[in-house]
Amino acid sequence: MNNSTFVYATYIRTSPEKLWKALTSSEFTKQYWFGKELQSDWEEGSAVTFLDKNKEITDQGIVIKSNPYHLLSYTLKCVQDATEYQVMPKVTFELKQMGSIVKLTLKHEYLSEGAFKDEGEGFIGINNGWPAIMSNLKSLLETERILPEIVL
């Protein structure tokens, strides 16, 4: 098993409540996640489904931990990924209030071998995708607008 982890932190001028809603509301996710809609009831053990603009499933997972306004963690697997994982990749969002801002730390764990090799699909998806998604989220919460289209 490979224990590679991608970590990204940002600071957002918002409240933990608004940030939590943005992370867990389909209406918010499709705005900053480039059209992807995340669906779940966000209870531990529940399914997480990612739908594209055509309502087709692109990714799936299971909620591992859901502590509103503090921590959200779920498994994440692309439906087109044929890899047999010993341990399913996991995404964790940690929210920490710091005065009038919230520090949001993203951890994407248990990445497959070669995930960070230049120009590989994993490299592009993780190294370019997460920062773009997180920047779009920050912009949406702070300005009520997403960034101009980003080409990944």
C-alpha atoms as a PDB file:
ATOM      1  CA  MET A   1       0.000   0.000   0.000  1.00  0.00           C
ATOM      2  CA  ASN A   2       1.254   3.445  -0.887  1.00  0.00           C
ATOM      3  CA  ASN A   3       0.747   6.071   1.796  1.00  0.00           C
ATOM      4  CA  SER A   4       1.233   9.142  -0.395  1.00  0.00           C
ATOM      5  CA  THR A   5      -0.759  12.147   0.755  1.00  0.00           C
ATOM      6  CA  PHE A   6      -1.559  15.439  -0.978  1.00  0.00           C
ATOM      7  CA  VAL A   7      -2.198  18.308   1.468  1.00  0.00           C
ATOM      8  CA  TYR A   8      -3.519  21.750   0.604  1.00  0.00           C
ATOM      9  CA  ALA A   9      -4.523  24.513   3.025  1.00  0.00           C
ATOM     10  CA  THR A  10      -6.259  27.812   2.409  1.00  0.00           C
ATOM     11  CA  TYR A  11      -7.714  30.578   4.543  1.00  0.00           C
ATOM     12  CA  ILE A  12     -11.238  31.748   3.763  1.00  0.00           C
ATOM     13  CA  ARG A  13     -13.044  34.806   5.095  1.00  0.00           C
ATOM     14  CA  THR A  14     -16.229  32.996   6.112  1.00  0.00           C
ATOM     15  CA  SER A  15     -17.798  31.135   9.011  1.00  0.00           C
ATOM     16  CA  PRO A  16     -17.482  27.393   9.659  1.00  0.00           C
ATOM     17  CA  GLU A  17     -21.249  27.118   9.111  1.00  0.00           C
ATOM     18  CA  LYS A  18     -21.132  28.710   5.643  1.00  0.00           C
ATOM     19  CA  LEU A  19     -18.070  26.679   4.675  1.00  0.00           C
ATOM     20  CA  TRP A  20     -19.715  23.447   5.843  1.00  0.00           C
ATOM     21  CA  LYS A  21     -22.797  24.262   3.761  1.00  0.00           C
ATOM     22  CA  ALA A  22     -20.575  24.898   0.730  1.00  0.00           C
ATOM     23  CA  LEU A  23     -18.826  21.540   1.196  1.00  0.00           C
ATOM     24  CA  THR A  24     -22.041  19.557   1.660  1.00  0.00           C
ATOM     25  CA  SER A  25     -24.691  21.305  -0.464  1.00  0.00           C
ATOM     26  CA  SER A  26     -25.209  20.126  -4.049  1.00  0.00           C
ATOM     27  CA  GLU A  27     -26.177  23.648  -5.078  1.00  0.00           C
ATOM     28  CA  PHE A  28     -22.825  24.990  -3.848  1.00  0.00           C
ATOM     29  CA  THR A  29     -20.631  22.137  -5.114  1.00  0.00           C
ATOM     30  CA  LYS A  30     -21.799  22.389  -8.691  1.00  0.00           C
ATOM     31  CA  GLN A  31     -20.820  26.081  -8.661  1.00  0.00           C
ATOM     32  CA  TYR A  32     -17.204  25.730  -7.507  1.00  0.00           C
ATOM     33  CA  TRP A  33     -16.492  22.096  -8.522  1.00  0.00           C
ATOM     34  CA  PHE A  34     -16.751  22.919 -12.245  1.00  0.00           C
ATOM     35  CA  GLY A  35     -20.263  21.582 -12.625  1.00  0.00           C
ATOM     36  CA  LYS A  36     -19.908  18.461 -10.456  1.00  0.00           C
ATOM     37  CA  GLU A  37     -22.683  17.941  -7.975  1.00  0.00           C
ATOM     38  CA  LEU A  38     -21.935  16.034  -4.769  1.00  0.00           C
ATOM     39  CA  GLN A  39     -24.901  14.179  -3.334  1.00  0.00           C
ATOM     40  CA  SER A  40     -25.085  12.637   0.142  1.00  0.00           C
ATOM     41  CA  ASP A  41     -26.940  12.998   3.410  1.00  0.00           C
ATOM     42  CA  TRP A  42     -23.438  13.291   4.964  1.00  0.00           C
ATOM     43  CA  GLU A  43     -24.137  10.759   7.710  1.00  0.00           C
ATOM     44  CA  GLU A  44     -21.266   8.410   8.562  1.00  0.00           C
ATOM     45  CA  GLY A  45     -21.543   5.286   6.402  1.00  0.00           C
ATOM     46  CA  SER A  46     -23.674   7.008   3.746  1.00  0.00           C
ATOM     47  CA  ALA A  47     -22.851   7.046   0.052  1.00  0.00           C
ATOM     48  CA  VAL A  48     -21.300  10.073  -1.648  1.00  0.00           C
ATOM     49  CA  THR A  49     -22.049  10.400  -5.353  1.00  0.00           C
ATOM     50  CA  PHE A  50     -20.460  12.853  -7.785  1.00  0.00           C
ATOM     51  CA  LEU A  51     -22.564  13.753 -10.822  1.00  0.00           C
ATOM     52  CA  ASP A  52     -21.342  15.639 -13.871  1.00  0.00           C
ATOM     53  CA  LYS A  53     -23.339  18.263 -15.775  1.00  0.00           C
ATOM     54  CA  ASN A  54     -25.151  15.443 -17.619  1.00  0.00           C
ATOM     55  CA  LYS A  55     -26.129  13.808 -14.281  1.00  0.00           C
ATOM     56  CA  GLU A  56     -23.801  10.869 -14.947  1.00  0.00           C
ATOM     57  CA  ILE A  57     -21.872   9.398 -12.003  1.00  0.00           C
ATOM     58  CA  THR A  58     -18.151  10.245 -12.197  1.00  0.00           C
ATOM     59  CA  ASP A  59     -16.947   9.403  -8.690  1.00  0.00           C
ATOM     60  CA  GLN A  60     -18.264   7.576  -5.644  1.00  0.00           C
ATOM     61  CA  GLY A  61     -17.387   7.176  -1.989  1.00  0.00           C
ATOM     62  CA  ILE A  62     -18.587   6.527   1.539  1.00  0.00           C
ATOM     63  CA  VAL A  63     -18.702   9.081   4.379  1.00  0.00           C
ATOM     64  CA  ILE A  64     -16.144   8.051   7.012  1.00  0.00           C
ATOM     65  CA  LYS A  65     -16.455  10.963   9.444  1.00  0.00           C
ATOM     66  CA  SER A  66     -18.926  13.823   9.570  1.00  0.00           C
ATOM     67  CA  ASN A  67     -18.492  16.326  12.382  1.00  0.00           C
ATOM     68  CA  PRO A  68     -20.362  19.442  11.186  1.00  0.00           C
ATOM     69  CA  TYR A  69     -18.332  22.658  11.047  1.00  0.00           C
ATOM     70  CA  HIS A  70     -15.108  20.795  11.962  1.00  0.00           C
ATOM     71  CA  LEU A  71     -14.307  17.675   9.909  1.00  0.00           C
ATOM     72  CA  LEU A  72     -15.614  15.833   6.857  1.00  0.00           C
ATOM     73  CA  SER A  73     -13.960  12.702   5.488  1.00  0.00           C
ATOM     74  CA  TYR A  74     -14.997  10.281   2.762  1.00  0.00           C
ATOM     75  CA  THR A  75     -13.529   7.715   0.398  1.00  0.00           C
ATOM     76  CA  LEU A  76     -13.192   8.790  -3.213  1.00  0.00           C
ATOM     77  CA  LYS A  77     -12.914   6.612  -6.288  1.00  0.00           C
ATOM     78  CA  CYS A  78     -13.332   7.586  -9.917  1.00  0.00           C
ATOM     79  CA  VAL A  79     -15.807   5.170 -11.533  1.00  0.00           C
ATOM     80  CA  GLN A  80     -13.470   4.825 -14.532  1.00  0.00           C
ATOM     81  CA  ASP A  81     -10.505   3.858 -12.307  1.00  0.00           C
ATOM     82  CA  ALA A  82      -9.915   0.119 -12.685  1.00  0.00           C
ATOM     83  CA  THR A  83      -7.352   0.041  -9.847  1.00  0.00           C
ATOM     84  CA  GLU A  84      -7.978  -2.552  -7.135  1.00  0.00           C
ATOM     85  CA  TYR A  85      -7.204  -0.700  -3.913  1.00  0.00           C
ATOM     86  CA  GLN A  86      -6.161  -2.396  -0.684  1.00  0.00           C
ATOM     87  CA  VAL A  87      -7.213   0.803   1.061  1.00  0.00           C
ATOM     88  CA  MET A  88      -9.597   3.171  -0.704  1.00  0.00           C
ATOM     89  CA  PRO A  89      -8.328   6.730  -1.342  1.00  0.00           C
ATOM     90  CA  LYS A  90      -9.681   9.157   1.257  1.00  0.00           C
ATOM     91  CA  VAL A  91     -10.395  12.894   1.224  1.00  0.00           C
ATOM     92  CA  THR A  92     -10.566  14.855   4.491  1.00  0.00           C
ATOM     93  CA  PHE A  93     -11.550  18.472   5.025  1.00  0.00           C
ATOM     94  CA  GLU A  94     -10.556  20.010   8.363  1.00  0.00           C
ATOM     95  CA  LEU A  95     -12.126  23.352   9.306  1.00  0.00           C
ATOM     96  CA  LYS A  96     -10.517  25.512  11.981  1.00  0.00           C
ATOM     97  CA  GLN A  97     -11.984  28.881  12.906  1.00  0.00           C
ATOM     98  CA  MET A  98      -9.363  31.586  13.324  1.00  0.00           C
ATOM     99  CA  GLY A  99     -11.174  34.798  14.203  1.00  0.00           C
ATOM    100  CA  SER A 100     -13.108  36.001  11.165  1.00  0.00           C
ATOM    101  CA  ILE A 101     -11.569  33.388   8.869  1.00  0.00           C
ATOM    102  CA  VAL A 102     -11.561  29.619   8.589  1.00  0.00           C
ATOM    103  CA  LYS A 103      -8.464  27.599   7.827  1.00  0.00           C
ATOM    104  CA  LEU A 104      -9.515  24.796   5.494  1.00  0.00           C
ATOM    105  CA  THR A 105      -7.069  21.924   5.152  1.00  0.00           C
ATOM    106  CA  LEU A 106      -7.630  19.287   2.506  1.00  0.00           C
ATOM    107  CA  LYS A 107      -5.898  15.906   2.707  1.00  0.00           C
ATOM    108  CA  HIS A 108      -6.134  13.367  -0.128  1.00  0.00           C
ATOM    109  CA  GLU A 109      -4.620  10.143   1.238  1.00  0.00           C
ATOM    110  CA  TYR A 110      -3.652   6.676   0.009  1.00  0.00           C
ATOM    111  CA  LEU A 111      -2.742   7.802  -3.468  1.00  0.00           C
ATOM    112  CA  SER A 112      -1.785   5.122  -5.955  1.00  0.00           C
ATOM    113  CA  GLU A 113       1.748   4.483  -7.162  1.00  0.00           C
ATOM    114  CA  GLY A 114       2.795   7.142  -9.643  1.00  0.00           C
ATOM    115  CA  ALA A 115       0.136   9.642  -8.632  1.00  0.00           C
ATOM    116  CA  PHE A 116       2.706  12.444  -8.619  1.00  0.00           C
ATOM    117  CA  LYS A 117       4.607  11.508 -11.763  1.00  0.00           C
ATOM    118  CA  ASP A 118       4.759  14.418 -14.206  1.00  0.00           C
ATOM    119  CA  GLU A 119       2.008  14.495 -16.792  1.00  0.00           C
ATOM    120  CA  GLY A 120       0.265  11.393 -15.450  1.00  0.00           C
ATOM    121  CA  GLU A 121      -3.505  11.474 -15.005  1.00  0.00           C
ATOM    122  CA  GLY A 122      -3.130  11.388 -11.217  1.00  0.00           C
ATOM    123  CA  PHE A 123      -0.663  14.277 -11.271  1.00  0.00           C
ATOM    124  CA  ILE A 124      -2.978  16.470 -13.329  1.00  0.00           C
ATOM    125  CA  GLY A 125      -6.092  15.538 -11.363  1.00  0.00           C
ATOM    126  CA  ILE A 126      -4.562  15.993  -7.929  1.00  0.00           C
ATOM    127  CA  ASN A 127      -1.869  18.618  -8.361  1.00  0.00           C
ATOM    128  CA  ASN A 128      -3.965  20.870 -10.587  1.00  0.00           C
ATOM    129  CA  GLY A 129      -7.508  19.854  -9.696  1.00  0.00           C
ATOM    130  CA  TRP A 130      -7.598  20.310  -5.931  1.00  0.00           C
ATOM    131  CA  PRO A 131      -5.976  23.780  -5.882  1.00  0.00           C
ATOM    132  CA  ALA A 132      -8.376  24.929  -8.630  1.00  0.00           C
ATOM    133  CA  ILE A 133     -11.415  23.564  -6.751  1.00  0.00           C
ATOM    134  CA  MET A 134     -10.273  25.066  -3.445  1.00  0.00           C
ATOM    135  CA  SER A 135      -9.516  28.458  -5.062  1.00  0.00           C
ATOM    136  CA  ASN A 136     -12.945  28.464  -6.684  1.00  0.00           C
ATOM    137  CA  LEU A 137     -14.561  27.629  -3.325  1.00  0.00           C
ATOM    138  CA  LYS A 138     -12.672  30.441  -1.600  1.00  0.00           C
ATOM    139  CA  SER A 139     -13.627  32.925  -4.312  1.00  0.00           C
ATOM    140  CA  LEU A 140     -17.299  31.890  -4.203  1.00  0.00           C
ATOM    141  CA  LEU A 141     -17.536  32.267  -0.428  1.00  0.00           C
ATOM    142  CA  GLU A 142     -15.666  35.576  -0.289  1.00  0.00           C
ATOM    143  CA  THR A 143     -17.036  37.311  -3.401  1.00  0.00           C
ATOM    144  CA  GLU A 144     -20.137  35.253  -4.325  1.00  0.00           C
ATOM    145  CA  ARG A 145     -18.493  34.685  -7.715  1.00  0.00           C
ATOM    146  CA  ILE A 146     -16.430  31.813  -9.057  1.00  0.00           C
ATOM    147  CA  LEU A 147     -13.173  32.327 -10.898  1.00  0.00           C
ATOM    148  CA  PRO A 148     -13.071  32.657 -14.679  1.00  0.00           C
ATOM    149  CA  GLU A 149     -12.946  29.250 -16.350  1.00  0.00           C
ATOM    150  CA  ILE A 150      -9.792  27.362 -15.456  1.00  0.00           C
ATOM    151  CA  VAL A 151      -8.354  24.932 -17.985  1.00  0.00           C
ATOM    152  CA  LEU A 152      -6.866  21.930 -16.163  1.00  0.00           C
END
